Amino acid sequence: MPGGDHPPLDPAVGLCSACRYAQQVVSGRGSTFWLCGRARDDSRFRKYPPLPVSRCPGFEPGEEG
């Protein structure tokens, strides 16, 4: 990744907080979940993994900002 710019890791969330495939979802009641984009095409991944995620074979760092 150019310049090595990637988002910081949130220890409460784990790898999902810095993964390019993860998306933070806030429910209508204000609860926060992390949606794994890899789960759409690969059954090895859970749609909403239990947090924090410390190891994931599909993790790829996202870009800052």
PDB file of N, CA and C in Angstrom:
ATOM      1  N   MET A   1       0.849  -1.167   0.000  1.00  0.00           N
ATOM      2  CA  MET A   1       0.000   0.000   0.000  1.00  0.00           C
ATOM      3  C   MET A   1       0.896   1.232   0.000  1.00  0.00           C
ATOM      4  N   PRO A   2       0.689   2.168  -0.866  1.00  0.00           N
ATOM      5  CA  PRO A   2       1.542   3.331  -0.941  1.00  0.00           C
ATOM      6  C   PRO A   2       1.580   4.105   0.356  1.00  0.00           C
ATOM      7  N   GLY A   3       2.786   4.361   0.835  1.00  0.00           N
ATOM      8  CA  GLY A   3       2.962   5.123   2.053  1.00  0.00           C
ATOM      9  C   GLY A   3       2.613   4.373   3.320  1.00  0.00           C
ATOM     10  N   GLY A   4       2.081   3.157   3.179  1.00  0.00           N
ATOM     11  CA  GLY A   4       1.723   2.365   4.343  1.00  0.00           C
ATOM     12  C   GLY A   4       0.551   2.944   5.134  1.00  0.00           C
ATOM     13  N   ASP A   5      -0.264   3.769   4.499  1.00  0.00           N
ATOM     14  CA  ASP A   5      -1.388   4.379   5.197  1.00  0.00           C
ATOM     15  C   ASP A   5      -2.528   3.385   5.318  1.00  0.00           C
ATOM     16  N   HIS A   6      -2.869   3.044   6.555  1.00  0.00           N
ATOM     17  CA  HIS A   6      -4.009   2.183   6.801  1.00  0.00           C
ATOM     18  C   HIS A   6      -4.638   2.591   8.122  1.00  0.00           C
ATOM     19  N   PRO A   7      -5.911   2.277   8.309  1.00  0.00           N
ATOM     20  CA  PRO A   7      -6.598   2.716   9.511  1.00  0.00           C
ATOM     21  C   PRO A   7      -6.023   2.058  10.766  1.00  0.00           C
ATOM     22  N   PRO A   8      -6.110   2.745  11.902  1.00  0.00           N
ATOM     23  CA  PRO A   8      -5.638   2.158  13.155  1.00  0.00           C
ATOM     24  C   PRO A   8      -6.558   1.016  13.586  1.00  0.00           C
ATOM     25  N   LEU A   9      -6.017   0.091  14.331  1.00  0.00           N
ATOM     26  CA  LEU A   9      -6.761  -1.069  14.808  1.00  0.00           C
ATOM     27  C   LEU A   9      -7.450  -0.725  16.128  1.00  0.00           C
ATOM     28  N   ASP A  10      -8.766  -0.929  16.198  1.00  0.00           N
ATOM     29  CA  ASP A  10      -9.525  -0.720  17.429  1.00  0.00           C
ATOM     30  C   ASP A  10      -9.487  -2.031  18.209  1.00  0.00           C
ATOM     31  N   PRO A  11      -8.872  -2.059  19.402  1.00  0.00           N
ATOM     32  CA  PRO A  11      -8.743  -3.315  20.146  1.00  0.00           C
ATOM     33  C   PRO A  11     -10.075  -3.961  20.517  1.00  0.00           C
ATOM     34  N   ALA A  12     -11.145  -3.186  20.637  1.00  0.00           N
ATOM     35  CA  ALA A  12     -12.455  -3.749  20.969  1.00  0.00           C
ATOM     36  C   ALA A  12     -13.082  -4.472  19.790  1.00  0.00           C
ATOM     37  N   VAL A  13     -12.654  -4.129  18.585  1.00  0.00           N
ATOM     38  CA  VAL A  13     -13.206  -4.722  17.366  1.00  0.00           C
ATOM     39  C   VAL A  13     -12.234  -5.715  16.747  1.00  0.00           C
ATOM     40  N   GLY A  14     -10.952  -5.434  16.839  1.00  0.00           N
ATOM     41  CA  GLY A  14      -9.934  -6.295  16.265  1.00  0.00           C
ATOM     42  C   GLY A  14      -9.695  -5.986  14.798  1.00  0.00           C
ATOM     43  N   LEU A  15      -9.351  -7.009  14.031  1.00  0.00           N
ATOM     44  CA  LEU A  15      -8.971  -6.834  12.635  1.00  0.00           C
ATOM     45  C   LEU A  15     -10.048  -6.184  11.773  1.00  0.00           C
ATOM     46  N   CYS A  16     -11.298  -6.422  12.092  1.00  0.00           N
ATOM     47  CA  CYS A  16     -12.385  -5.844  11.283  1.00  0.00           C
ATOM     48  C   CYS A  16     -12.299  -4.322  11.216  1.00  0.00           C
ATOM     49  N   SER A  17     -11.809  -3.698  12.273  1.00  0.00           N
ATOM     50  CA  SER A  17     -11.753  -2.239  12.309  1.00  0.00           C
ATOM     51  C   SER A  17     -10.769  -1.663  11.295  1.00  0.00           C
ATOM     52  N   ALA A  18      -9.890  -2.499  10.754  1.00  0.00           N
ATOM     53  CA  ALA A  18      -8.903  -2.027   9.784  1.00  0.00           C
ATOM     54  C   ALA A  18      -8.966  -2.784   8.458  1.00  0.00           C
ATOM     55  N   CYS A  19      -9.994  -3.614   8.283  1.00  0.00           N
ATOM     56  CA  CYS A  19     -10.085  -4.449   7.078  1.00  0.00           C
ATOM     57  C   CYS A  19     -10.857  -3.754   5.964  1.00  0.00           C
ATOM     58  N   ARG A  20     -10.364  -3.881   4.757  1.00  0.00           N
ATOM     59  CA  ARG A  20     -11.021  -3.251   3.605  1.00  0.00           C
ATOM     60  C   ARG A  20     -12.390  -3.854   3.297  1.00  0.00           C
ATOM     61  N   TYR A  21     -12.661  -5.058   3.763  1.00  0.00           N
ATOM     62  CA  TYR A  21     -13.926  -5.729   3.477  1.00  0.00           C
ATOM     63  C   TYR A  21     -14.986  -5.519   4.553  1.00  0.00           C
ATOM     64  N   ALA A  22     -14.605  -4.961   5.690  1.00  0.00           N
ATOM     65  CA  ALA A  22     -15.538  -4.781   6.794  1.00  0.00           C
ATOM     66  C   ALA A  22     -16.271  -3.448   6.687  1.00  0.00           C
ATOM     67  N   GLN A  23     -17.495  -3.469   7.137  1.00  0.00           N
ATOM     68  CA  GLN A  23     -18.322  -2.256   7.121  1.00  0.00           C
ATOM     69  C   GLN A  23     -19.027  -2.142   8.471  1.00  0.00           C
ATOM     70  N   GLN A  24     -18.917  -0.997   9.097  1.00  0.00           N
ATOM     71  CA  GLN A  24     -19.592  -0.755  10.363  1.00  0.00           C
ATOM     72  C   GLN A  24     -21.056  -0.450  10.076  1.00  0.00           C
ATOM     73  N   VAL A  25     -21.952  -1.144  10.792  1.00  0.00           N
ATOM     74  CA  VAL A  25     -23.390  -0.984  10.607  1.00  0.00           C
ATOM     75  C   VAL A  25     -23.996  -0.592  11.949  1.00  0.00           C
ATOM     76  N   VAL A  26     -24.809   0.464  11.950  1.00  0.00           N
ATOM     77  CA  VAL A  26     -25.487   0.908  13.162  1.00  0.00           C
ATOM     78  C   VAL A  26     -26.979   0.631  12.994  1.00  0.00           C
ATOM     79  N   SER A  27     -27.541  -0.100  13.948  1.00  0.00           N
ATOM     80  CA  SER A  27     -28.959  -0.450  13.877  1.00  0.00           C
ATOM     81  C   SER A  27     -29.821   0.753  14.227  1.00  0.00           C
ATOM     82  N   GLY A  28     -31.114   0.625  14.004  1.00  0.00           N
ATOM     83  CA  GLY A  28     -32.056   1.686  14.331  1.00  0.00           C
ATOM     84  C   GLY A  28     -32.103   1.987  15.825  1.00  0.00           C
ATOM     85  N   ARG A  29     -31.652   1.040  16.631  1.00  0.00           N
ATOM     86  CA  ARG A  29     -31.636   1.233  18.087  1.00  0.00           C
ATOM     87  C   ARG A  29     -30.277   1.685  18.595  1.00  0.00           C
ATOM     88  N   GLY A  30     -29.350   1.923  17.668  1.00  0.00           N
ATOM     89  CA  GLY A  30     -28.044   2.436  18.060  1.00  0.00           C
ATOM     90  C   GLY A  30     -26.973   1.405  18.328  1.00  0.00           C
ATOM     91  N   SER A  31     -27.271   0.119  18.149  1.00  0.00           N
ATOM     92  CA  SER A  31     -26.255  -0.923  18.321  1.00  0.00           C
ATOM     93  C   SER A  31     -25.328  -0.926  17.118  1.00  0.00           C
ATOM     94  N   THR A  32     -24.050  -1.210  17.347  1.00  0.00           N
ATOM     95  CA  THR A  32     -23.067  -1.229  16.273  1.00  0.00           C
ATOM     96  C   THR A  32     -22.625  -2.654  15.988  1.00  0.00           C
ATOM     97  N   PHE A  33     -22.590  -3.015  14.713  1.00  0.00           N
ATOM     98  CA  PHE A  33     -22.158  -4.331  14.262  1.00  0.00           C
ATOM     99  C   PHE A  33     -21.126  -4.140  13.156  1.00  0.00           C
ATOM    100  N   TRP A  34     -20.340  -5.177  12.894  1.00  0.00           N
ATOM    101  CA  TRP A  34     -19.361  -5.146  11.803  1.00  0.00           C
ATOM    102  C   TRP A  34     -19.725  -6.216  10.791  1.00  0.00           C
ATOM    103  N   LEU A  35     -20.052  -5.800   9.577  1.00  0.00           N
ATOM    104  CA  LEU A  35     -20.448  -6.677   8.482  1.00  0.00           C
ATOM    105  C   LEU A  35     -19.218  -7.076   7.677  1.00  0.00           C
ATOM    106  N   CYS A  36     -19.039  -8.374   7.476  1.00  0.00           N
ATOM    107  CA  CYS A  36     -17.911  -8.869   6.689  1.00  0.00           C
ATOM    108  C   CYS A  36     -18.326  -8.989   5.226  1.00  0.00           C
ATOM    109  N   GLY A  37     -17.725  -8.198   4.368  1.00  0.00           N
ATOM    110  CA  GLY A  37     -18.027  -8.226   2.942  1.00  0.00           C
ATOM    111  C   GLY A  37     -17.621  -9.525   2.272  1.00  0.00           C
ATOM    112  N   ARG A  38     -16.654 -10.225   2.836  1.00  0.00           N
ATOM    113  CA  ARG A  38     -16.229 -11.511   2.264  1.00  0.00           C
ATOM    114  C   ARG A  38     -17.310 -12.576   2.411  1.00  0.00           C
ATOM    115  N   ALA A  39     -18.180 -12.430   3.403  1.00  0.00           N
ATOM    116  CA  ALA A  39     -19.229 -13.422   3.650  1.00  0.00           C
ATOM    117  C   ALA A  39     -20.221 -13.520   2.502  1.00  0.00           C
ATOM    118  N   ARG A  40     -20.328 -12.477   1.680  1.00  0.00           N
ATOM    119  CA  ARG A  40     -21.251 -12.515   0.536  1.00  0.00           C
ATOM    120  C   ARG A  40     -20.899 -13.623  -0.445  1.00  0.00           C
ATOM    121  N   ASP A  41     -19.595 -13.849  -0.636  1.00  0.00           N
ATOM    122  CA  ASP A  41     -19.146 -14.801  -1.656  1.00  0.00           C
ATOM    123  C   ASP A  41     -18.430 -16.025  -1.114  1.00  0.00           C
ATOM    124  N   ASP A  42     -18.138 -16.038   0.180  1.00  0.00           N
ATOM    125  CA  ASP A  42     -17.332 -17.120   0.743  1.00  0.00           C
ATOM    126  C   ASP A  42     -17.938 -17.562   2.074  1.00  0.00           C
ATOM    127  N   SER A  43     -18.448 -18.778   2.124  1.00  0.00           N
ATOM    128  CA  SER A  43     -19.134 -19.280   3.313  1.00  0.00           C
ATOM    129  C   SER A  43     -18.203 -19.518   4.502  1.00  0.00           C
ATOM    130  N   ARG A  44     -16.896 -19.413   4.300  1.00  0.00           N
ATOM    131  CA  ARG A  44     -15.968 -19.569   5.428  1.00  0.00           C
ATOM    132  C   ARG A  44     -16.055 -18.388   6.396  1.00  0.00           C
ATOM    133  N   PHE A  45     -16.614 -17.275   5.929  1.00  0.00           N
ATOM    134  CA  PHE A  45     -16.670 -16.072   6.736  1.00  0.00           C
ATOM    135  C   PHE A  45     -18.079 -15.838   7.264  1.00  0.00           C
ATOM    136  N   ARG A  46     -18.170 -15.415   8.527  1.00  0.00           N
ATOM    137  CA  ARG A  46     -19.463 -15.099   9.127  1.00  0.00           C
ATOM    138  C   ARG A  46     -19.871 -13.689   8.736  1.00  0.00           C
ATOM    139  N   LYS A  47     -21.137 -13.502   8.465  1.00  0.00           N
ATOM    140  CA  LYS A  47     -21.634 -12.190   8.047  1.00  0.00           C
ATOM    141  C   LYS A  47     -21.358 -11.145   9.135  1.00  0.00           C
ATOM    142  N   TYR A  48     -21.628 -11.491  10.380  1.00  0.00           N
ATOM    143  CA  TYR A  48     -21.360 -10.616  11.518  1.00  0.00           C
ATOM    144  C   TYR A  48     -20.508 -11.408  12.513  1.00  0.00           C
ATOM    145  N   PRO A  49     -19.185 -11.355  12.386  1.00  0.00           N
ATOM    146  CA  PRO A  49     -18.323 -12.158  13.258  1.00  0.00           C
ATOM    147  C   PRO A  49     -18.338 -11.657  14.703  1.00  0.00           C
ATOM    148  N   PRO A  50     -18.151 -12.568  15.667  1.00  0.00           N
ATOM    149  CA  PRO A  50     -18.046 -12.143  17.065  1.00  0.00           C
ATOM    150  C   PRO A  50     -16.759 -11.331  17.253  1.00  0.00           C
ATOM    151  N   LEU A  51     -16.868 -10.266  18.011  1.00  0.00           N
ATOM    152  CA  LEU A  51     -15.733  -9.364  18.211  1.00  0.00           C
ATOM    153  C   LEU A  51     -15.111  -9.567  19.592  1.00  0.00           C
ATOM    154  N   PRO A  52     -13.840  -9.291  19.726  1.00  0.00           N
ATOM    155  CA  PRO A  52     -12.897  -8.819  18.718  1.00  0.00           C
ATOM    156  C   PRO A  52     -12.371  -9.963  17.859  1.00  0.00           C
ATOM    157  N   VAL A  53     -12.036  -9.660  16.618  1.00  0.00           N
ATOM    158  CA  VAL A  53     -11.465 -10.640  15.694  1.00  0.00           C
ATOM    159  C   VAL A  53      -9.948 -10.497  15.762  1.00  0.00           C
ATOM    160  N   SER A  54      -9.279 -11.564  16.194  1.00  0.00           N
ATOM    161  CA  SER A  54      -7.819 -11.499  16.329  1.00  0.00           C
ATOM    162  C   SER A  54      -7.085 -12.197  15.189  1.00  0.00           C
ATOM    163  N   ARG A  55      -7.787 -13.112  14.495  1.00  0.00           N
ATOM    164  CA  ARG A  55      -7.183 -13.781  13.338  1.00  0.00           C
ATOM    165  C   ARG A  55      -8.242 -13.961  12.269  1.00  0.00           C
ATOM    166  N   CYS A  56      -7.858 -13.690  11.015  1.00  0.00           N
ATOM    167  CA  CYS A  56      -8.796 -13.856   9.911  1.00  0.00           C
ATOM    168  C   CYS A  56      -8.016 -14.099   8.629  1.00  0.00           C
ATOM    169  N   PRO A  57      -8.275 -15.221   7.943  1.00  0.00           N
ATOM    170  CA  PRO A  57      -7.549 -15.511   6.706  1.00  0.00           C
ATOM    171  C   PRO A  57      -7.893 -14.562   5.561  1.00  0.00           C
ATOM    172  N   GLY A  58      -8.992 -13.821   5.690  1.00  0.00           N
ATOM    173  CA  GLY A  58      -9.402 -12.918   4.620  1.00  0.00           C
ATOM    174  C   GLY A  58      -9.040 -11.468   4.867  1.00  0.00           C
ATOM    175  N   PHE A  59      -8.358 -11.188   5.974  1.00  0.00           N
ATOM    176  CA  PHE A  59      -8.030  -9.808   6.320  1.00  0.00           C
ATOM    177  C   PHE A  59      -7.102  -9.164   5.279  1.00  0.00           C
ATOM    178  N   GLU A  60      -7.502  -7.983   4.838  1.00  0.00           N
ATOM    179  CA  GLU A  60      -6.656  -7.140   4.002  1.00  0.00           C
ATOM    180  C   GLU A  60      -6.813  -5.733   4.533  1.00  0.00           C
ATOM    181  N   PRO A  61      -5.707  -5.068   4.853  1.00  0.00           N
ATOM    182  CA  PRO A  61      -5.822  -3.722   5.407  1.00  0.00           C
ATOM    183  C   PRO A  61      -6.472  -2.754   4.428  1.00  0.00           C
ATOM    184  N   GLY A  62      -7.315  -1.903   4.971  1.00  0.00           N
ATOM    185  CA  GLY A  62      -7.940  -0.863   4.182  1.00  0.00           C
ATOM    186  C   GLY A  62      -7.053   0.372   4.154  1.00  0.00           C
ATOM    187  N   GLU A  63      -7.534   1.410   3.499  1.00  0.00           N
ATOM    188  CA  GLU A  63      -6.773   2.658   3.417  1.00  0.00           C
ATOM    189  C   GLU A  63      -7.324   3.664   4.403  1.00  0.00           C
ATOM    190  N   GLU A  64      -6.450   4.470   4.979  1.00  0.00           N
ATOM    191  CA  GLU A  64      -6.844   5.525   5.907  1.00  0.00           C
ATOM    192  C   GLU A  64      -7.728   6.526   5.178  1.00  0.00           C
ATOM    193  N   GLY A  65      -8.804   6.934   5.870  1.00  0.00           N
ATOM    194  CA  GLY A  65      -9.677   7.965   5.296  1.00  0.00           C
ATOM    195  C   GLY A  65     -10.548   7.411   4.240  1.00  0.00           C
TER     196      GLY A  65
END
